[in-house]
Structures are given as C-alpha cells and as structure tokens.
N, C-alpha and C. Protein backbone atom coordinates (compact mmCIF):
# COMPACT_ATOMS: atom_id res chain seq x y z
N MET A 1 -10.38 0.03 2.71
CA MET A 1 -11.14 1.82 3.55
C MET A 1 -11.47 2.83 2.66
N ILE A 2 -12.43 2.71 2.08
CA ILE A 2 -13.38 3.44 1.16
C ILE A 2 -14.00 4.14 1.75
N SER A 3 -13.49 5.34 1.15
CA SER A 3 -14.84 6.99 1.83
C SER A 3 -16.06 6.56 1.31
N PRO A 4 -17.74 6.86 1.69
CA PRO A 4 -18.50 7.17 1.57
C PRO A 4 -18.92 8.10 0.55
N ASP A 5 -18.02 9.00 1.12
CA ASP A 5 -17.78 10.65 0.61
C ASP A 5 -16.81 10.89 -0.65
N VAL A 6 -16.18 9.80 -1.45
CA VAL A 6 -15.66 10.32 -2.52
C VAL A 6 -16.87 9.35 -3.99
N PRO A 7 -16.54 9.94 -4.74
CA PRO A 7 -17.60 9.75 -5.84
C PRO A 7 -16.92 8.46 -6.39
N GLU A 8 -18.32 7.66 -6.39
CA GLU A 8 -17.86 6.71 -7.63
C GLU A 8 -16.17 6.58 -8.58
N ALA A 9 -17.12 7.40 -9.37
CA ALA A 9 -16.33 8.21 -10.40
C ALA A 9 -14.67 8.57 -10.25
N VAL A 10 -14.40 8.70 -8.70
CA VAL A 10 -13.00 9.30 -8.54
C VAL A 10 -12.25 7.53 -8.50
N TRP A 11 -12.94 6.67 -7.89
CA TRP A 11 -11.74 5.37 -6.79
C TRP A 11 -12.05 4.92 -8.15
N GLN A 12 -12.87 5.00 -9.59
CA GLN A 12 -12.63 4.21 -10.86
C GLN A 12 -11.51 4.79 -11.23
N PHE A 13 -11.44 5.63 -11.36
CA PHE A 13 -10.64 7.00 -11.90
C PHE A 13 -9.03 6.35 -11.50
N ILE A 14 -9.02 6.36 -10.06
CA ILE A 14 -8.11 5.99 -9.47
C ILE A 14 -7.30 4.22 -9.98
N ALA A 15 -8.57 3.48 -9.59
CA ALA A 15 -7.78 2.09 -9.91
C ALA A 15 -7.52 2.00 -11.42
N GLU A 16 -8.22 2.60 -12.22
CA GLU A 16 -7.90 2.40 -13.40
C GLU A 16 -6.40 3.26 -13.94
N LYS A 17 -6.44 4.25 -13.50
CA LYS A 17 -5.03 5.48 -14.05
C LYS A 17 -4.26 5.57 -13.12
N ILE A 18 -4.45 5.01 -11.72
CA ILE A 18 -2.88 5.94 -10.72
C ILE A 18 -2.38 4.50 -10.37
N ASP A 19 -0.91 4.30 -10.15
CA ASP A 19 -0.54 2.95 -9.73
C ASP A 19 -0.02 3.36 -8.07
N THR A 20 0.51 4.84 -8.19
CA THR A 20 0.64 5.33 -7.02
C THR A 20 0.41 6.31 -6.49
N VAL A 21 1.33 7.15 -5.55
CA VAL A 21 0.77 7.71 -4.82
C VAL A 21 1.72 9.23 -5.58
N PRO A 22 2.83 9.33 -5.91
CA PRO A 22 3.56 10.27 -6.58
C PRO A 22 2.95 10.88 -8.24
N GLN A 23 2.86 9.11 -8.24
CA GLN A 23 2.37 9.23 -10.21
C GLN A 23 0.40 10.34 -9.93
N LEU A 24 -0.05 10.58 -9.07
CA LEU A 24 -1.64 11.13 -8.75
C LEU A 24 -0.58 12.62 -8.26
N GLU A 25 -0.06 12.88 -7.29
CA GLU A 25 0.65 14.41 -7.01
C GLU A 25 1.18 14.50 -8.35
N ALA A 26 1.71 13.91 -8.96
CA ALA A 26 3.05 14.39 -10.65
C ALA A 26 1.32 15.21 -11.27
N LEU A 27 0.26 14.27 -11.28
CA LEU A 27 -0.67 14.78 -11.98
C LEU A 27 -1.78 15.96 -11.07
N LEU A 28 -1.43 15.70 -10.42
CA LEU A 28 -2.46 17.04 -9.51
C LEU A 28 -1.87 18.18 -9.77
N LEU A 29 -0.27 18.60 -9.91
CA LEU A 29 0.66 19.33 -10.34
C LEU A 29 0.74 19.96 -11.80
N LEU A 30 0.75 18.58 -12.70
CA LEU A 30 0.11 19.61 -14.10
C LEU A 30 -0.92 20.15 -14.52
N TRP A 31 -2.20 19.46 -13.69
CA TRP A 31 -3.39 20.04 -13.84
C TRP A 31 -3.62 21.21 -12.83
N GLU A 32 -2.90 21.13 -11.96
CA GLU A 32 -2.81 22.82 -11.06
C GLU A 32 -2.22 23.95 -12.21
N ASN A 33 -1.53 23.72 -12.57
CA ASN A 33 -0.57 24.09 -13.41
C ASN A 33 -0.61 24.12 -15.07
N PRO A 34 -2.19 24.61 -15.21
CA PRO A 34 -2.23 24.30 -17.28
C PRO A 34 -1.03 24.64 -18.04
N GLY A 35 -1.04 26.04 -17.48
CA GLY A 35 0.04 26.89 -18.80
C GLY A 35 1.61 26.56 -18.72
N ARG A 36 1.84 25.99 -17.72
CA ARG A 36 3.21 24.86 -17.41
C ARG A 36 3.86 24.31 -17.79
N ALA A 37 5.11 23.60 -18.76
CA ALA A 37 5.61 22.38 -18.97
C ALA A 37 6.93 21.79 -18.13
N TRP A 38 6.32 21.21 -17.61
CA TRP A 38 7.23 20.08 -16.50
C TRP A 38 8.19 19.54 -17.46
N THR A 39 9.84 19.46 -16.97
CA THR A 39 11.19 18.70 -17.25
C THR A 39 10.45 17.41 -15.89
N ALA A 40 11.27 16.38 -15.84
CA ALA A 40 11.38 15.43 -14.91
C ALA A 40 12.29 15.85 -13.71
N GLY A 41 12.95 16.24 -14.23
CA GLY A 41 13.87 16.90 -12.82
C GLY A 41 12.96 18.28 -12.37
N GLU A 42 12.52 19.19 -12.60
CA GLU A 42 11.28 19.76 -12.00
C GLU A 42 10.45 19.26 -11.49
N MET A 43 9.65 18.16 -11.92
CA MET A 43 8.56 17.85 -11.41
C MET A 43 8.93 16.92 -10.24
N ALA A 44 10.19 16.26 -10.19
CA ALA A 44 11.53 15.41 -9.14
C ALA A 44 10.60 16.18 -7.93
N GLN A 45 11.44 17.33 -8.01
CA GLN A 45 11.40 18.54 -6.93
C GLN A 45 10.83 18.21 -6.85
N ARG A 46 9.36 18.64 -6.91
CA ARG A 46 8.00 18.85 -6.33
C ARG A 46 7.19 17.98 -5.42
N ILE A 47 7.96 16.78 -6.31
CA ILE A 47 6.92 15.49 -5.75
C ILE A 47 8.05 14.01 -4.61
N TYR A 48 8.97 15.07 -4.69
CA TYR A 48 10.57 14.14 -3.65
C TYR A 48 10.39 13.10 -4.21
N VAL A 49 10.71 12.75 -5.15
CA VAL A 49 11.18 11.17 -5.73
C VAL A 49 12.12 11.90 -6.61
N LYS A 50 13.07 10.81 -7.60
CA LYS A 50 14.23 10.85 -8.17
C LYS A 50 13.95 10.78 -9.44
N PRO A 51 14.99 11.64 -10.26
CA PRO A 51 14.46 12.26 -11.69
C PRO A 51 13.91 11.32 -12.60
N GLU A 52 15.01 9.72 -12.43
CA GLU A 52 14.39 9.09 -13.14
C GLU A 52 13.01 8.26 -12.82
N ALA A 53 12.64 8.26 -11.30
CA ALA A 53 11.09 7.97 -11.03
C ALA A 53 10.56 9.20 -11.91
N ALA A 54 10.32 10.39 -11.82
CA ALA A 54 9.52 11.30 -12.36
C ALA A 54 9.12 11.24 -13.37
N ALA A 55 10.55 10.57 -14.31
CA ALA A 55 10.87 10.78 -15.66
C ALA A 55 9.65 9.37 -16.08
N GLN A 56 9.65 8.14 -14.85
CA GLN A 56 8.93 7.01 -15.90
C GLN A 56 7.28 7.74 -15.05
N ILE A 57 7.43 7.85 -13.70
CA ILE A 57 5.88 8.80 -13.61
C ILE A 57 5.41 10.09 -14.53
N LEU A 58 5.47 10.63 -15.49
CA LEU A 58 5.51 11.49 -16.66
C LEU A 58 5.26 10.25 -18.37
N GLU A 59 6.13 9.78 -17.69
CA GLU A 59 5.91 8.51 -19.34
C GLU A 59 4.96 7.93 -19.09
N ALA A 60 3.87 7.44 -17.70
CA ALA A 60 3.58 6.58 -17.54
C ALA A 60 1.44 7.57 -17.39
N LEU A 61 1.95 8.98 -17.45
CA LEU A 61 0.99 9.32 -17.89
C LEU A 61 0.65 10.00 -18.90
N GLN A 62 1.70 10.12 -19.74
CA GLN A 62 1.60 10.25 -21.21
C GLN A 62 0.93 9.13 -21.55
N ARG A 63 1.71 8.13 -21.70
CA ARG A 63 0.80 6.46 -21.90
C ARG A 63 -0.51 6.95 -21.80
N ARG A 64 -1.17 7.11 -20.74
CA ARG A 64 -2.55 6.68 -20.21
C ARG A 64 -3.30 8.21 -21.15
N GLN A 65 -2.38 8.67 -21.84
CA GLN A 65 -3.39 10.20 -21.73
C GLN A 65 -3.25 11.00 -20.95
N LEU A 66 -3.17 11.10 -19.73
CA LEU A 66 -3.14 12.13 -19.02
C LEU A 66 -2.43 13.41 -18.79
N ALA A 67 -1.55 13.29 -19.69
CA ALA A 67 -0.56 14.48 -20.35
C ALA A 67 0.09 14.28 -21.25
N SER A 68 0.97 15.08 -21.53
CA SER A 68 1.31 15.05 -23.31
C SER A 68 2.43 15.89 -23.09
N ALA A 69 3.47 15.47 -24.10
CA ALA A 69 4.78 15.59 -23.95
C ALA A 69 5.43 16.05 -25.09
N GLU A 70 5.66 17.18 -24.81
CA GLU A 70 7.01 18.27 -26.38
C GLU A 70 8.81 18.44 -25.41
N GLY A 71 9.12 18.46 -27.63
CA GLY A 71 10.31 18.62 -27.24
C GLY A 71 10.51 17.66 -27.02
N GLU A 72 11.86 17.07 -27.85
CA GLU A 72 12.83 16.61 -27.93
C GLU A 72 14.13 16.08 -27.14
N GLN A 73 14.79 16.90 -27.48
CA GLN A 73 16.36 17.68 -26.27
C GLN A 73 15.97 17.02 -24.87
N GLU A 74 15.17 18.20 -24.27
CA GLU A 74 14.34 17.65 -23.00
C GLU A 74 12.95 17.91 -22.80
N VAL A 75 12.27 16.78 -22.55
CA VAL A 75 10.76 16.37 -23.08
C VAL A 75 10.54 16.59 -21.94
N ARG A 76 9.20 17.68 -22.25
CA ARG A 76 8.48 18.66 -20.85
C ARG A 76 7.40 18.18 -20.87
N TYR A 77 6.64 18.19 -19.85
CA TYR A 77 4.77 17.48 -19.82
C TYR A 77 4.16 18.43 -19.42
N ARG A 78 2.75 18.08 -19.97
CA ARG A 78 1.60 19.13 -19.33
C ARG A 78 0.44 18.84 -18.65
N TYR A 79 -0.68 18.85 -18.70
CA TYR A 79 -1.87 18.00 -18.73
C TYR A 79 -2.41 18.08 -19.87
N ASN A 80 -3.08 16.97 -19.73
CA ASN A 80 -3.67 16.95 -20.87
C ASN A 80 -5.26 16.80 -20.31
N PRO A 81 -6.40 17.74 -21.19
CA PRO A 81 -7.26 17.34 -20.51
C PRO A 81 -8.45 16.93 -21.88
N ASP A 82 -8.13 16.63 -22.28
CA ASP A 82 -9.30 15.67 -23.54
C ASP A 82 -9.57 14.81 -22.64
N TRP A 83 -8.63 13.83 -22.56
CA TRP A 83 -9.29 13.33 -21.19
C TRP A 83 -10.60 13.15 -20.38
N ASP A 84 -11.14 14.10 -20.28
CA ASP A 84 -11.15 14.40 -19.10
C ASP A 84 -12.98 15.30 -19.66
N THR A 85 -13.56 14.43 -21.08
CA THR A 85 -14.80 15.06 -21.85
C THR A 85 -15.54 15.73 -21.50
N LYS A 86 -15.74 16.06 -19.85
CA LYS A 86 -17.30 16.45 -19.19
C LYS A 86 -15.99 17.48 -18.31
N GLY A 87 -15.00 17.57 -18.23
CA GLY A 87 -14.55 19.01 -18.09
C GLY A 87 -14.13 18.91 -16.34
N THR A 88 -15.16 17.82 -15.81
CA THR A 88 -15.05 17.91 -14.39
C THR A 88 -15.17 16.62 -13.24
N LEU A 89 -14.17 15.27 -13.78
CA LEU A 89 -13.08 14.47 -13.36
C LEU A 89 -12.84 14.90 -12.35
N MET A 90 -11.62 15.34 -13.25
CA MET A 90 -10.40 16.26 -12.77
C MET A 90 -10.46 16.49 -11.24
N ALA A 91 -11.93 17.75 -11.06
CA ALA A 91 -11.95 18.56 -10.06
C ALA A 91 -12.21 17.76 -9.13
N GLU A 92 -13.03 16.85 -9.74
CA GLU A 92 -13.57 15.28 -8.23
C GLU A 92 -12.44 14.83 -7.79
N VAL A 93 -10.87 14.51 -8.56
CA VAL A 93 -10.74 13.97 -7.71
C VAL A 93 -9.53 14.56 -6.95
N VAL A 94 -9.40 15.65 -7.81
CA VAL A 94 -8.55 17.26 -6.64
C VAL A 94 -9.47 17.42 -5.45
N ARG A 95 -10.53 17.30 -5.19
CA ARG A 95 -11.31 17.50 -4.24
C ARG A 95 -11.32 16.61 -3.70
N ALA A 96 -11.59 15.35 -3.85
CA ALA A 96 -11.43 14.32 -3.28
C ALA A 96 -9.97 13.83 -2.24
N TYR A 97 -9.03 14.11 -3.44
CA TYR A 97 -7.71 13.81 -2.49
C TYR A 97 -7.67 14.76 -1.68
N ARG A 98 -7.89 16.28 -1.31
CA ARG A 98 -7.66 17.09 -0.82
C ARG A 98 -8.25 17.15 0.62
N ARG A 99 -9.43 16.33 0.99
CA ARG A 99 -10.14 15.77 1.65
C ARG A 99 -10.10 14.80 1.88
N HIS A 100 -9.89 13.33 1.14
CA HIS A 100 -9.72 12.09 2.06
C HIS A 100 -8.50 11.76 1.59
N LEU A 101 -7.45 12.52 2.05
CA LEU A 101 -5.99 11.85 1.43
C LEU A 101 -5.36 10.54 2.02
N VAL A 102 -5.76 10.33 3.33
CA VAL A 102 -4.96 9.31 3.65
C VAL A 102 -6.40 8.00 3.10
N PRO A 103 -7.22 7.91 3.14
CA PRO A 103 -8.50 6.53 2.61
C PRO A 103 -7.89 6.30 1.30
N ILE A 104 -7.68 8.05 0.30
CA ILE A 104 -7.05 7.41 -1.28
C ILE A 104 -6.00 6.97 -1.32
N ALA A 105 -5.20 7.85 -0.68
CA ALA A 105 -3.49 7.23 -0.25
C ALA A 105 -3.68 5.31 -0.18
N THR A 106 -3.79 5.39 0.92
CA THR A 106 -3.90 3.22 1.52
C THR A 106 -4.81 2.63 0.56
N PHE A 107 -5.92 3.70 -0.24
CA PHE A 107 -6.99 2.53 -1.78
C PHE A 107 -4.89 2.26 -2.66
N ILE A 108 -5.08 3.71 -2.75
CA ILE A 108 -3.59 3.47 -3.46
C ILE A 108 -2.60 1.95 -3.34
N HIS A 109 -2.06 2.75 -2.09
CA HIS A 109 -1.61 1.13 -1.48
C HIS A 109 -1.46 0.40 -1.72
N SER A 110 -2.65 -0.31 -1.52
CA SER A 110 -3.30 -1.46 -1.65
C SER A 110 -3.58 -2.17 -2.22
N GLY A 111 -3.74 -1.37 -3.82
CA GLY A 111 -4.25 -1.90 -4.86
C GLY A 111 -2.84 -2.98 -5.75
N ALA A 112 -3.27 -3.91 -6.99
CA ALA A 112 -2.24 -4.50 -7.21
C ALA A 112 -0.73 -3.86 -7.57
N SER A 113 0.33 -4.52 -7.52
CA SER A 113 1.58 -3.59 -8.26
C SER A 113 1.53 -3.34 -9.57
N SER A 114 2.30 -2.26 -9.75
CA SER A 114 1.79 -1.84 -10.99
C SER A 114 2.44 -2.09 -12.50
N SER A 115 3.35 -3.81 -12.10
CA SER A 115 2.97 -4.19 -13.40
C SER A 115 1.55 -5.37 -13.81
N VAL A 116 1.60 -5.00 -12.42
CA VAL A 116 0.44 -6.53 -12.51
C VAL A 116 -0.53 -5.40 -13.34
N ARG A 117 -0.93 -4.14 -13.27
CA ARG A 117 -2.20 -2.92 -13.62
C ARG A 117 -1.27 -2.57 -15.10
N GLU A 118 -0.17 -2.33 -15.12
CA GLU A 118 -0.22 -2.29 -16.69
C GLU A 118 0.32 -3.64 -18.01
N PHE A 119 0.23 -4.74 -17.45
CA PHE A 119 0.03 -5.73 -17.49
C PHE A 119 -1.85 -6.19 -18.08
N ALA A 120 -2.58 -5.87 -17.51
CA ALA A 120 -4.13 -5.87 -17.07
C ALA A 120 -4.28 -4.72 -18.57
N ARG A 121 -3.59 -3.14 -17.99
CA ARG A 121 -4.06 -3.09 -19.07
C ARG A 121 -2.92 -2.80 -20.74
N ALA A 122 -2.67 -3.88 -21.15
CA ALA A 122 -2.32 -4.14 -22.37
C ALA A 122 -3.29 -5.02 -23.19
N PHE A 123 -4.17 -5.72 -21.81
CA PHE A 123 -5.55 -6.50 -22.74
C PHE A 123 -6.58 -5.45 -23.21
N ASN A 124 -7.01 -3.58 -22.08
CA ASN A 124 -7.68 -3.99 -22.64
C ASN A 124 -7.33 -2.73 -23.76
N LEU A 125 -6.54 -2.34 -23.86
CA LEU A 125 -5.97 -1.30 -24.91
C LEU A 125 -5.80 -2.39 -26.72
N LYS A 126 -5.74 -3.13 -26.28
CA LYS A 126 -6.08 -4.91 -27.44
C LYS A 126 -7.35 -4.52 -27.76
N LYS A 127 -8.64 -4.84 -26.90
CA LYS A 127 -9.78 -4.95 -26.64
C LYS A 127 -10.16 -3.54 -27.43
N GLU A 128 -9.97 -2.01 -27.37
CA GLU A 128 -10.66 -1.09 -27.74
C GLU A 128 -9.98 -0.85 -28.98
N ARG A 129 -9.54 -1.83 -29.56
CA ARG A 129 -8.44 -1.30 -31.27
C ARG A 129 -9.61 -1.68 -32.07
C-alpha cells in the first residue's frame, strides 16, 4: 500500500533506515527537538515502549548515524543532522508521515524483520569501506 503522494526518497529512506514505527517516532522526536538530548527513559515515556526497547531504538539510530550519543553514566541522544546532506529529506519524512501515517506504518510493518535488515546492512557497511 504505497501512496503515490509520498516522495520516492521518503520510501527509500524508510526502507533503508527504519525498522519499526517506534523507531520512526523516536527519530521524529529527536528531529523536532534539536536542542534536547534524550535518555532512553525519557524517550520510552514519549513513544510508549519500555526503557530497554527505547535504548535499543536509540542505539540503532546512532549506528545508522541518524542520532548521536553523549555522556557515559547516563547516555543521552540527540538528532544528528549530518546524515541529511541537503537538510531537506527529514522534513519530507515528517511531512509524509503526518499526512500518510497509515500507508507508511503499513509499509514499515510489512517490511523484513529487523534482524534480517541488520544482517543486510552489515554487508552494506563492508561494501562502503
């Protein structure tokens, strides 16, 4: 159920970088609050998942360079704008998600499992070296 109103770049970004709806929701919160650094507990409360799940989500976003981490005792995460070289893709993702939530959520849910995606990404990382 791919909506033609959603730019191809958004579909591609979601397919390559996003495994779950809570992961996309976390990324949106990070992007919408660029001056704030979030703990896993704070993020968990906002996206309605357990703190352990929020920690895994934030770590995945960091591995994909969508978020950056700071601190050692209590790690905090913030949005990393460096991945979006033109500075426009994330705004398109946000706009598309707000207008086409159901098709985008369905697309995410119908994708490969996160473990399969992580395995595939490992090969992409090796190719880039």
